[in-house]
Amino acid sequence: MDTGRPHPARVYDYLLGGKDNFAADRAAAAKGLEANPNAATAPRENRAFLRRTVRFLAAEAGIDQFLDIGTGLPTSPNVHEVAQAADPSARIVYVDNDPIVLTHARALLTSEPPGRTAYVGARLQEAEHILDATEVRDTLDLDRPVALLLFAILHFIEDHEDPYGIVTRLMDRLPSGSYLVVSHITGDYDPGSWARFAAVMRDQGIPTRIRSRDEVTRFFDGLDLVDPGVVPILSWRPESEPEFTDAQVALYGGVGRKP
């Protein structure tokens, strides 16, 4: 673990007001906020999108198995808290490549007794390793539908790493009836500010790829999109009147079901 270099999970934690970050993470976040002050708004609304989508999957779609890749540092409510509030027997595997995230996850992300949580140290790019991990095999039944959760992580995967191929490899291993959830930064509503933000993040050693609505929608190729489709996350089944604009939040989100 190199605490002298910023890590996306710790930068995200700082933007959410957390304390599990280091000077390098805070410096990267500060430079990002200087380029685009709205960079602090997106993480907070992304957590609200997480709550709405996981609640939909557990309470309405009948999903009781979740694979959350790019977990980030625990910020309540977490996936298992939302899912197990609807179905106490729900099982969740958290995946991240930051040792600090995994240490906190093991300490704080504890399941309700009827359910179960587990943790895997891996990068999203290691799709096959993740699905073959003992923790995944012992916790999830991959012969039954699973919800693959990719909240605010795909924009850290550059094009040359084939992000679409990564998602396809993961979904190909999951059975019919499984779901994919994605949230992703976009520059569609404020191209200049988010381009500056991405450039600053790259300069800090954090790859950042801003994508359009069409590019985000492509992650759902071959899946049946759940209404309302791929939309600004503020418009995905909102529970109240938004206090921010789509330009301030700048995240697309969607849920798709594997036929």
Foldseek 3Di string as FASTA:
>chain_A
DDLQAADVLQLLCVLQVHDPHHPLSVVLNVQLCVLPVLVSVQSVLLVVLLLVVLLCCQQPLVAQAEEEEPQGADDPPGSQVSNCVRPLAREYEYEEQDPVRVVRCVVPVAGRVNYYYYYDHDHLLPLVCVCPPPRNVVHDDQQDAYEYEARADLQQPDVVSPSLVSLVVNVVSHDAFYKYKYKYAACPQPVSSVVSSQVSCVVSVGHGHHDDQVVVLSSQPQWAWDPPAWDQSCPPPHPDDDPDDSNSNRMIITMTGHD
